Amino acid sequence: MTPRIFGITGWKNSGKTTLTVKLVGELTRRGWKVSTVKHAHHDFDIDKEGTDSFRHRKAGAGEVAIVSDRRWALMHELVSESEPALADIIARFAPCDVILVEGYKREGHKKIETRRTEGRSGERLTTGDPSIVAIASDYPILDEKVPVYELDDIAALADLIERETGLSRQGR
């Protein structure tokens, strides 16, 4: 089964992470199994210096798995490789109902663009991205061709994601 993918995109400080977290909560409350991908534009580390797994990675291990009775994580070090394509990352996921993708402005999956007064850059992503199907904003927007939702209207935005990805209670 091809995974259902839906994105949350926007400029820095536009509310992407906050909206993603709230949508994960709402969709899982509705009974859907949700996975997420977060794109980072900078060097990041999920491991802390001094831990055993950090030491394994720094010693040269290409992949390090951390496993406990509560969770597991796999870190892959990109030494001379390019950043993997979104499709390659999604292919590693366990089956789920929907994958919410935060970031990845240039990918072609359907997306909500987030906008906040505080994070306004002036550039509208909807201008050059036909895959943006809605905007979630904390200020009024009147001159767009896609629907505009209140940034905090999580129920309506979750409804939109269900419609756009074909999630249906029938057949469950």
N, C-alpha and C. Protein backbone atom coordinates (compact mmCIF):
# COMPACT_ATOMS: atom_id res chain seq x y z
N MET A 1 0.84 -1.18 0.00
CA MET A 1 0.00 0.00 0.00
C MET A 1 0.89 1.25 0.00
N THR A 2 0.60 2.18 -0.88
CA THR A 2 1.33 3.44 -0.94
C THR A 2 0.92 4.31 0.24
N PRO A 3 1.91 4.82 0.97
CA PRO A 3 1.54 5.65 2.13
C PRO A 3 0.89 6.97 1.71
N ARG A 4 -0.04 7.42 2.52
CA ARG A 4 -0.65 8.74 2.32
C ARG A 4 0.28 9.77 2.93
N ILE A 5 0.63 10.76 2.15
CA ILE A 5 1.59 11.78 2.60
C ILE A 5 0.93 13.14 2.50
N PHE A 6 1.10 13.93 3.55
CA PHE A 6 0.58 15.28 3.55
C PHE A 6 1.58 16.16 4.28
N GLY A 7 1.81 17.36 3.75
CA GLY A 7 2.85 18.22 4.29
C GLY A 7 2.37 19.47 4.98
N ILE A 8 3.23 19.96 5.85
CA ILE A 8 3.06 21.25 6.51
C ILE A 8 4.34 22.02 6.17
N THR A 9 4.19 23.13 5.46
CA THR A 9 5.35 23.87 5.00
C THR A 9 5.19 25.35 5.33
N GLY A 10 6.25 26.08 5.22
CA GLY A 10 6.22 27.50 5.50
C GLY A 10 7.62 27.99 5.81
N TRP A 11 7.75 29.28 5.95
CA TRP A 11 9.04 29.87 6.25
C TRP A 11 9.37 29.69 7.74
N LYS A 12 10.59 29.95 8.11
CA LYS A 12 11.05 29.83 9.49
C LYS A 12 10.14 30.65 10.41
N ASN A 13 9.82 30.09 11.56
CA ASN A 13 8.98 30.72 12.59
C ASN A 13 7.55 30.97 12.14
N SER A 14 7.08 30.18 11.18
CA SER A 14 5.70 30.37 10.71
C SER A 14 4.70 29.46 11.43
N GLY A 15 5.18 28.61 12.33
CA GLY A 15 4.27 27.76 13.09
C GLY A 15 4.18 26.32 12.60
N LYS A 16 5.11 25.89 11.77
CA LYS A 16 5.07 24.54 11.21
C LYS A 16 5.08 23.45 12.29
N THR A 17 6.04 23.52 13.19
CA THR A 17 6.18 22.46 14.19
C THR A 17 4.99 22.44 15.13
N THR A 18 4.55 23.58 15.59
CA THR A 18 3.39 23.64 16.48
C THR A 18 2.17 23.03 15.81
N LEU A 19 1.93 23.40 14.54
CA LEU A 19 0.78 22.85 13.82
C LEU A 19 0.94 21.34 13.62
N THR A 20 2.13 20.89 13.25
CA THR A 20 2.35 19.46 13.04
C THR A 20 2.05 18.67 14.31
N VAL A 21 2.55 19.15 15.43
CA VAL A 21 2.33 18.46 16.71
C VAL A 21 0.84 18.38 17.03
N LYS A 22 0.13 19.49 16.84
CA LYS A 22 -1.31 19.50 17.13
C LYS A 22 -2.07 18.58 16.17
N LEU A 23 -1.67 18.54 14.91
CA LEU A 23 -2.33 17.66 13.95
C LEU A 23 -2.06 16.18 14.25
N VAL A 24 -0.84 15.86 14.66
CA VAL A 24 -0.55 14.48 15.07
C VAL A 24 -1.47 14.09 16.22
N GLY A 25 -1.60 14.97 17.21
CA GLY A 25 -2.47 14.69 18.35
C GLY A 25 -3.92 14.48 17.93
N GLU A 26 -4.42 15.34 17.07
CA GLU A 26 -5.82 15.25 16.62
C GLU A 26 -6.05 14.01 15.77
N LEU A 27 -5.17 13.74 14.83
CA LEU A 27 -5.36 12.57 13.96
C LEU A 27 -5.24 11.26 14.74
N THR A 28 -4.32 11.18 15.69
CA THR A 28 -4.21 9.96 16.50
C THR A 28 -5.42 9.85 17.43
N ARG A 29 -5.94 10.96 17.92
CA ARG A 29 -7.16 10.92 18.74
C ARG A 29 -8.32 10.36 17.93
N ARG A 30 -8.33 10.64 16.63
CA ARG A 30 -9.37 10.12 15.74
C ARG A 30 -9.15 8.66 15.36
N GLY A 31 -8.04 8.09 15.81
CA GLY A 31 -7.80 6.67 15.57
C GLY A 31 -6.84 6.34 14.45
N TRP A 32 -6.23 7.34 13.84
CA TRP A 32 -5.30 7.09 12.75
C TRP A 32 -3.89 6.84 13.30
N LYS A 33 -3.17 5.98 12.62
CA LYS A 33 -1.76 5.73 12.94
C LYS A 33 -0.94 6.72 12.10
N VAL A 34 -0.22 7.61 12.77
CA VAL A 34 0.48 8.72 12.12
C VAL A 34 1.99 8.59 12.32
N SER A 35 2.74 8.82 11.26
CA SER A 35 4.19 8.95 11.34
C SER A 35 4.56 10.34 10.83
N THR A 36 5.75 10.80 11.16
CA THR A 36 6.16 12.14 10.73
C THR A 36 7.59 12.13 10.19
N VAL A 37 7.85 13.09 9.32
CA VAL A 37 9.20 13.39 8.85
C VAL A 37 9.42 14.87 9.07
N LYS A 38 10.52 15.21 9.69
CA LYS A 38 10.89 16.62 9.93
C LYS A 38 12.15 16.90 9.14
N HIS A 39 12.09 17.89 8.25
CA HIS A 39 13.27 18.26 7.49
C HIS A 39 14.03 19.36 8.22
N ALA A 40 15.32 19.17 8.37
CA ALA A 40 16.17 20.17 9.02
C ALA A 40 17.14 20.72 7.98
N HIS A 41 17.31 22.03 7.96
CA HIS A 41 18.21 22.66 7.00
C HIS A 41 19.59 22.90 7.58
N HIS A 42 19.86 22.33 8.69
CA HIS A 42 21.12 22.62 9.36
C HIS A 42 21.67 21.35 9.96
N ASP A 43 22.90 21.41 10.40
CA ASP A 43 23.52 20.28 11.07
C ASP A 43 22.77 20.06 12.38
N PHE A 44 22.33 18.85 12.61
CA PHE A 44 21.62 18.56 13.84
C PHE A 44 22.16 17.27 14.42
N ASP A 45 21.91 17.06 15.67
CA ASP A 45 22.34 15.84 16.32
C ASP A 45 21.27 15.42 17.31
N ILE A 46 20.82 14.18 17.20
CA ILE A 46 19.83 13.69 18.15
C ILE A 46 20.51 12.92 19.29
N ASP A 47 21.80 12.81 19.18
CA ASP A 47 22.57 12.08 20.16
C ASP A 47 23.45 13.06 20.93
N LYS A 48 23.65 12.80 22.18
CA LYS A 48 24.44 13.71 23.01
C LYS A 48 25.87 13.20 23.19
N GLU A 49 26.79 14.15 23.17
CA GLU A 49 28.19 13.81 23.37
C GLU A 49 28.36 13.06 24.69
N GLY A 50 29.14 12.02 24.61
CA GLY A 50 29.42 11.23 25.80
C GLY A 50 28.59 9.96 25.90
N THR A 51 27.46 9.88 25.19
CA THR A 51 26.67 8.65 25.23
C THR A 51 27.37 7.57 24.42
N ASP A 52 27.03 6.32 24.70
CA ASP A 52 27.67 5.21 23.99
C ASP A 52 27.39 5.28 22.49
N SER A 53 26.13 5.55 22.11
CA SER A 53 25.80 5.60 20.68
C SER A 53 26.52 6.75 19.98
N PHE A 54 26.70 7.87 20.64
CA PHE A 54 27.46 8.99 20.09
C PHE A 54 28.90 8.55 19.83
N ARG A 55 29.45 7.84 20.78
CA ARG A 55 30.83 7.37 20.64
C ARG A 55 30.95 6.38 19.49
N HIS A 56 29.94 5.51 19.33
CA HIS A 56 29.96 4.55 18.21
C HIS A 56 29.99 5.31 16.88
N ARG A 57 29.13 6.31 16.76
CA ARG A 57 29.01 7.09 15.52
C ARG A 57 30.30 7.86 15.25
N LYS A 58 30.81 8.52 16.26
CA LYS A 58 32.04 9.30 16.09
C LYS A 58 33.24 8.42 15.77
N ALA A 59 33.19 7.14 16.17
CA ALA A 59 34.27 6.22 15.87
C ALA A 59 34.23 5.77 14.41
N GLY A 60 33.09 6.04 13.72
CA GLY A 60 33.03 5.73 12.30
C GLY A 60 31.90 4.81 11.87
N ALA A 61 31.04 4.39 12.78
CA ALA A 61 29.92 3.53 12.40
C ALA A 61 29.00 4.29 11.45
N GLY A 62 28.67 3.67 10.33
CA GLY A 62 27.79 4.30 9.34
C GLY A 62 26.36 4.38 9.80
N GLU A 63 25.91 3.37 10.52
CA GLU A 63 24.57 3.37 11.11
C GLU A 63 24.69 2.89 12.55
N VAL A 64 23.93 3.52 13.41
CA VAL A 64 23.90 3.15 14.82
C VAL A 64 22.44 3.02 15.23
N ALA A 65 22.07 1.87 15.76
CA ALA A 65 20.73 1.66 16.28
C ALA A 65 20.78 1.73 17.79
N ILE A 66 19.85 2.45 18.37
CA ILE A 66 19.70 2.51 19.82
C ILE A 66 18.38 1.81 20.11
N VAL A 67 18.42 0.80 20.97
CA VAL A 67 17.25 -0.03 21.20
C VAL A 67 17.01 -0.20 22.70
N SER A 68 15.75 -0.02 23.11
CA SER A 68 15.36 -0.31 24.49
C SER A 68 14.01 -1.00 24.45
N ASP A 69 13.47 -1.29 25.62
CA ASP A 69 12.15 -1.92 25.66
C ASP A 69 11.02 -0.92 25.44
N ARG A 70 11.33 0.35 25.24
CA ARG A 70 10.32 1.39 25.02
C ARG A 70 10.37 2.00 23.63
N ARG A 71 11.54 2.05 22.98
CA ARG A 71 11.67 2.66 21.64
C ARG A 71 12.98 2.24 21.02
N TRP A 72 13.08 2.48 19.73
CA TRP A 72 14.37 2.30 19.06
C TRP A 72 14.54 3.40 18.03
N ALA A 73 15.77 3.71 17.72
CA ALA A 73 16.09 4.74 16.73
C ALA A 73 17.28 4.26 15.92
N LEU A 74 17.27 4.63 14.64
CA LEU A 74 18.38 4.31 13.76
C LEU A 74 18.95 5.61 13.22
N MET A 75 20.23 5.83 13.46
CA MET A 75 20.90 7.01 12.93
C MET A 75 21.80 6.56 11.79
N HIS A 76 21.75 7.29 10.69
CA HIS A 76 22.58 6.99 9.53
C HIS A 76 23.45 8.21 9.27
N GLU A 77 24.73 8.01 9.30
CA GLU A 77 25.68 9.09 9.10
C GLU A 77 25.93 9.28 7.61
N LEU A 78 25.72 10.50 7.10
CA LEU A 78 25.98 10.81 5.69
C LEU A 78 27.40 11.32 5.57
N VAL A 79 28.30 10.44 5.25
CA VAL A 79 29.71 10.83 5.17
C VAL A 79 29.97 11.49 3.82
N SER A 80 29.89 10.72 2.76
CA SER A 80 30.12 11.29 1.42
C SER A 80 28.86 11.17 0.57
N GLU A 81 27.74 10.88 1.22
CA GLU A 81 26.47 10.73 0.51
C GLU A 81 25.70 12.05 0.52
N SER A 82 24.80 12.18 -0.45
CA SER A 82 23.91 13.33 -0.48
C SER A 82 22.75 13.08 0.48
N GLU A 83 22.04 14.15 0.81
CA GLU A 83 20.82 14.01 1.61
C GLU A 83 19.87 13.07 0.88
N PRO A 84 19.29 12.09 1.58
CA PRO A 84 18.39 11.16 0.91
C PRO A 84 17.10 11.84 0.47
N ALA A 85 16.52 11.30 -0.58
CA ALA A 85 15.23 11.80 -1.06
C ALA A 85 14.15 11.46 -0.04
N LEU A 86 13.12 12.28 0.01
CA LEU A 86 12.00 12.04 0.91
C LEU A 86 11.44 10.64 0.70
N ALA A 87 11.31 10.22 -0.54
CA ALA A 87 10.76 8.88 -0.84
C ALA A 87 11.61 7.77 -0.22
N ASP A 88 12.92 7.95 -0.20
CA ASP A 88 13.80 6.95 0.40
C ASP A 88 13.59 6.86 1.91
N ILE A 89 13.36 7.98 2.56
CA ILE A 89 13.10 7.99 4.00
C ILE A 89 11.75 7.33 4.29
N ILE A 90 10.75 7.70 3.53
CA ILE A 90 9.40 7.15 3.72
C ILE A 90 9.39 5.64 3.51
N ALA A 91 10.21 5.15 2.58
CA ALA A 91 10.27 3.71 2.31
C ALA A 91 10.74 2.92 3.53
N ARG A 92 11.44 3.57 4.46
CA ARG A 92 11.92 2.88 5.66
C ARG A 92 10.87 2.81 6.77
N PHE A 93 9.78 3.54 6.63
CA PHE A 93 8.76 3.60 7.69
C PHE A 93 7.96 2.30 7.77
N ALA A 94 7.51 2.01 8.98
CA ALA A 94 6.55 0.92 9.19
C ALA A 94 5.20 1.38 8.63
N PRO A 95 4.33 0.45 8.30
CA PRO A 95 3.01 0.84 7.77
C PRO A 95 2.26 1.76 8.74
N CYS A 96 1.58 2.75 8.17
CA CYS A 96 0.78 3.68 8.96
C CYS A 96 -0.33 4.21 8.06
N ASP A 97 -1.25 4.97 8.64
CA ASP A 97 -2.35 5.53 7.86
C ASP A 97 -1.94 6.78 7.09
N VAL A 98 -1.13 7.63 7.71
CA VAL A 98 -0.73 8.88 7.07
C VAL A 98 0.64 9.31 7.60
N ILE A 99 1.44 9.91 6.72
CA ILE A 99 2.72 10.46 7.10
C ILE A 99 2.63 11.97 6.93
N LEU A 100 2.83 12.69 8.03
CA LEU A 100 2.87 14.15 7.98
C LEU A 100 4.32 14.57 7.80
N VAL A 101 4.56 15.40 6.79
CA VAL A 101 5.90 15.83 6.44
C VAL A 101 6.03 17.31 6.75
N GLU A 102 6.93 17.64 7.67
CA GLU A 102 7.16 19.04 8.02
C GLU A 102 8.37 19.56 7.25
N GLY A 103 8.15 20.62 6.50
CA GLY A 103 9.22 21.18 5.68
C GLY A 103 9.10 20.68 4.25
N TYR A 104 10.21 20.40 3.63
CA TYR A 104 10.26 19.91 2.24
C TYR A 104 9.40 20.78 1.32
N LYS A 105 9.71 22.07 1.28
CA LYS A 105 8.95 23.03 0.47
C LYS A 105 8.88 22.64 -1.00
N ARG A 106 9.91 22.03 -1.52
CA ARG A 106 9.98 21.80 -2.97
C ARG A 106 9.46 20.45 -3.42
N GLU A 107 8.95 19.65 -2.51
CA GLU A 107 8.38 18.35 -2.88
C GLU A 107 6.96 18.54 -3.40
N GLY A 108 6.47 17.57 -4.15
CA GLY A 108 5.19 17.71 -4.83
C GLY A 108 3.97 17.18 -4.11
N HIS A 109 4.11 16.69 -2.87
CA HIS A 109 2.93 16.19 -2.15
C HIS A 109 2.06 17.38 -1.73
N LYS A 110 0.79 17.09 -1.44
CA LYS A 110 -0.13 18.14 -1.00
C LYS A 110 0.33 18.69 0.35
N LYS A 111 0.12 20.02 0.52
CA LYS A 111 0.63 20.68 1.72
C LYS A 111 -0.30 21.80 2.18
N ILE A 112 -0.15 22.10 3.48
CA ILE A 112 -0.71 23.32 4.08
C ILE A 112 0.47 24.26 4.25
N GLU A 113 0.30 25.52 3.86
CA GLU A 113 1.32 26.54 4.13
C GLU A 113 0.95 27.26 5.42
N THR A 114 1.90 27.33 6.35
CA THR A 114 1.66 28.06 7.59
C THR A 114 2.17 29.48 7.47
N ARG A 115 1.41 30.40 8.07
CA ARG A 115 1.82 31.81 8.11
C ARG A 115 1.45 32.38 9.47
N ARG A 116 2.41 33.10 10.05
CA ARG A 116 2.16 33.80 11.31
C ARG A 116 2.61 35.24 11.14
N THR A 117 1.93 36.12 11.84
CA THR A 117 2.29 37.53 11.81
C THR A 117 3.76 37.69 12.18
N GLU A 118 4.20 37.00 13.21
CA GLU A 118 5.56 37.10 13.72
C GLU A 118 6.59 36.63 12.70
N GLY A 119 6.27 35.62 11.91
CA GLY A 119 7.25 35.04 10.99
C GLY A 119 7.11 35.49 9.55
N ARG A 120 6.39 36.56 9.32
CA ARG A 120 6.12 37.01 7.94
C ARG A 120 7.41 37.34 7.20
N SER A 121 7.56 36.71 6.04
CA SER A 121 8.72 37.00 5.20
C SER A 121 8.31 37.82 3.99
N GLY A 122 7.03 37.90 3.74
CA GLY A 122 6.54 38.63 2.58
C GLY A 122 6.34 37.75 1.37
N GLU A 123 7.10 36.68 1.25
CA GLU A 123 6.99 35.80 0.10
C GLU A 123 5.95 34.71 0.36
N ARG A 124 5.01 34.62 -0.54
CA ARG A 124 3.96 33.61 -0.44
C ARG A 124 4.40 32.36 -1.18
N LEU A 125 4.36 31.23 -0.50
CA LEU A 125 4.75 29.98 -1.15
C LEU A 125 3.69 29.53 -2.17
N THR A 126 2.45 29.94 -1.95
CA THR A 126 1.37 29.53 -2.86
C THR A 126 1.60 30.05 -4.27
N THR A 127 2.35 31.10 -4.42
CA THR A 127 2.59 31.69 -5.73
C THR A 127 3.27 30.70 -6.68
N GLY A 128 4.23 29.93 -6.18
CA GLY A 128 4.97 29.03 -7.04
C GLY A 128 4.80 27.56 -6.75
N ASP A 129 3.86 27.20 -5.91
CA ASP A 129 3.69 25.79 -5.53
C ASP A 129 2.24 25.36 -5.64
N PRO A 130 1.88 24.70 -6.74
CA PRO A 130 0.50 24.26 -6.93
C PRO A 130 0.09 23.12 -6.00
N SER A 131 1.05 22.52 -5.27
CA SER A 131 0.69 21.43 -4.35
C SER A 131 0.19 21.95 -3.00
N ILE A 132 0.26 23.26 -2.77
CA ILE A 132 -0.30 23.84 -1.54
C ILE A 132 -1.81 23.94 -1.73
N VAL A 133 -2.55 23.21 -0.88
CA VAL A 133 -4.01 23.14 -1.02
C VAL A 133 -4.74 24.03 -0.03
N ALA A 134 -4.01 24.59 0.95
CA ALA A 134 -4.63 25.46 1.95
C ALA A 134 -3.55 26.24 2.68
N ILE A 135 -4.01 27.27 3.37
CA ILE A 135 -3.13 28.08 4.21
C ILE A 135 -3.70 28.05 5.62
N ALA A 136 -2.82 27.96 6.61
CA ALA A 136 -3.20 28.09 8.01
C ALA A 136 -2.47 29.32 8.53
N SER A 137 -3.23 30.31 8.99
CA SER A 137 -2.65 31.60 9.34
C SER A 137 -3.24 32.15 10.63
N ASP A 138 -2.46 33.00 11.32
CA ASP A 138 -2.98 33.67 12.51
C ASP A 138 -3.41 35.10 12.21
N TYR A 139 -3.47 35.46 10.93
CA TYR A 139 -3.96 36.77 10.53
C TYR A 139 -4.82 36.60 9.28
N PRO A 140 -5.72 37.52 9.01
CA PRO A 140 -6.61 37.41 7.86
C PRO A 140 -5.85 37.50 6.53
N ILE A 141 -6.23 36.64 5.60
CA ILE A 141 -5.65 36.65 4.26
C ILE A 141 -6.83 36.63 3.29
N LEU A 142 -6.88 37.60 2.41
CA LEU A 142 -8.03 37.73 1.53
C LEU A 142 -7.71 37.46 0.06
N ASP A 143 -6.45 37.51 -0.32
CA ASP A 143 -6.12 37.45 -1.74
C ASP A 143 -5.44 36.14 -2.16
N GLU A 144 -6.00 35.02 -1.77
CA GLU A 144 -5.44 33.72 -2.12
C GLU A 144 -6.48 32.91 -2.89
N LYS A 145 -5.98 31.96 -3.69
CA LYS A 145 -6.86 31.09 -4.47
C LYS A 145 -7.17 29.79 -3.74
N VAL A 146 -6.47 29.53 -2.63
CA VAL A 146 -6.72 28.32 -1.84
C VAL A 146 -7.44 28.72 -0.55
N PRO A 147 -8.14 27.78 0.08
CA PRO A 147 -8.82 28.11 1.34
C PRO A 147 -7.83 28.54 2.43
N VAL A 148 -8.27 29.46 3.27
CA VAL A 148 -7.46 29.94 4.39
C VAL A 148 -8.16 29.53 5.69
N TYR A 149 -7.43 28.88 6.57
CA TYR A 149 -7.93 28.42 7.86
C TYR A 149 -7.23 29.18 8.97
N GLU A 150 -7.89 29.28 10.11
CA GLU A 150 -7.24 29.80 11.31
C GLU A 150 -6.14 28.80 11.70
N LEU A 151 -4.99 29.29 12.07
CA LEU A 151 -3.87 28.44 12.44
C LEU A 151 -4.21 27.49 13.58
N ASP A 152 -5.13 27.90 14.45
CA ASP A 152 -5.51 27.07 15.59
C ASP A 152 -6.76 26.23 15.35
N ASP A 153 -7.30 26.22 14.14
CA ASP A 153 -8.49 25.42 13.86
C ASP A 153 -8.07 24.00 13.49
N ILE A 154 -7.58 23.29 14.48
CA ILE A 154 -6.98 21.97 14.28
C ILE A 154 -7.99 20.96 13.76
N ALA A 155 -9.21 20.99 14.26
CA ALA A 155 -10.23 20.04 13.80
C ALA A 155 -10.49 20.21 12.30
N ALA A 156 -10.65 21.45 11.85
CA ALA A 156 -10.91 21.70 10.42
C ALA A 156 -9.71 21.32 9.57
N LEU A 157 -8.50 21.58 10.05
CA LEU A 157 -7.31 21.22 9.29
C LEU A 157 -7.13 19.70 9.24
N ALA A 158 -7.47 19.00 10.32
CA ALA A 158 -7.44 17.53 10.31
C ALA A 158 -8.48 16.99 9.34
N ASP A 159 -9.67 17.61 9.31
CA ASP A 159 -10.70 17.22 8.34
C ASP A 159 -10.15 17.37 6.92
N LEU A 160 -9.47 18.48 6.66
CA LEU A 160 -8.88 18.73 5.35
C LEU A 160 -7.89 17.63 4.98
N ILE A 161 -7.03 17.27 5.91
CA ILE A 161 -6.04 16.22 5.65
C ILE A 161 -6.74 14.90 5.37
N GLU A 162 -7.77 14.57 6.14
CA GLU A 162 -8.52 13.34 5.87
C GLU A 162 -9.10 13.35 4.46
N ARG A 163 -9.70 14.46 4.07
CA ARG A 163 -10.28 14.57 2.71
C ARG A 163 -9.21 14.46 1.64
N GLU A 164 -8.14 15.22 1.79
CA GLU A 164 -7.11 15.31 0.75
C GLU A 164 -6.31 14.02 0.59
N THR A 165 -6.19 13.23 1.66
CA THR A 165 -5.41 11.99 1.58
C THR A 165 -6.30 10.76 1.38
N GLY A 166 -7.61 10.95 1.42
CA GLY A 166 -8.52 9.81 1.24
C GLY A 166 -8.69 8.96 2.47
N LEU A 167 -8.30 9.46 3.64
CA LEU A 167 -8.55 8.71 4.87
C LEU A 167 -10.06 8.63 5.06
N SER A 168 -10.55 7.46 5.35
CA SER A 168 -11.98 7.28 5.48
C SER A 168 -12.28 6.34 6.62
N ARG A 169 -13.28 6.66 7.38
CA ARG A 169 -13.70 5.78 8.48
C ARG A 169 -14.30 4.48 7.95
N GLN A 170 -14.84 4.54 6.72
CA GLN A 170 -15.41 3.33 6.12
C GLN A 170 -14.27 2.39 5.76
N GLY A 171 -14.47 1.13 6.01
CA GLY A 171 -13.43 0.15 5.73
C GLY A 171 -12.45 -0.03 6.87
N ARG A 172 -12.68 0.67 7.96
CA ARG A 172 -11.81 0.52 9.13
C ARG A 172 -12.34 -0.57 10.00
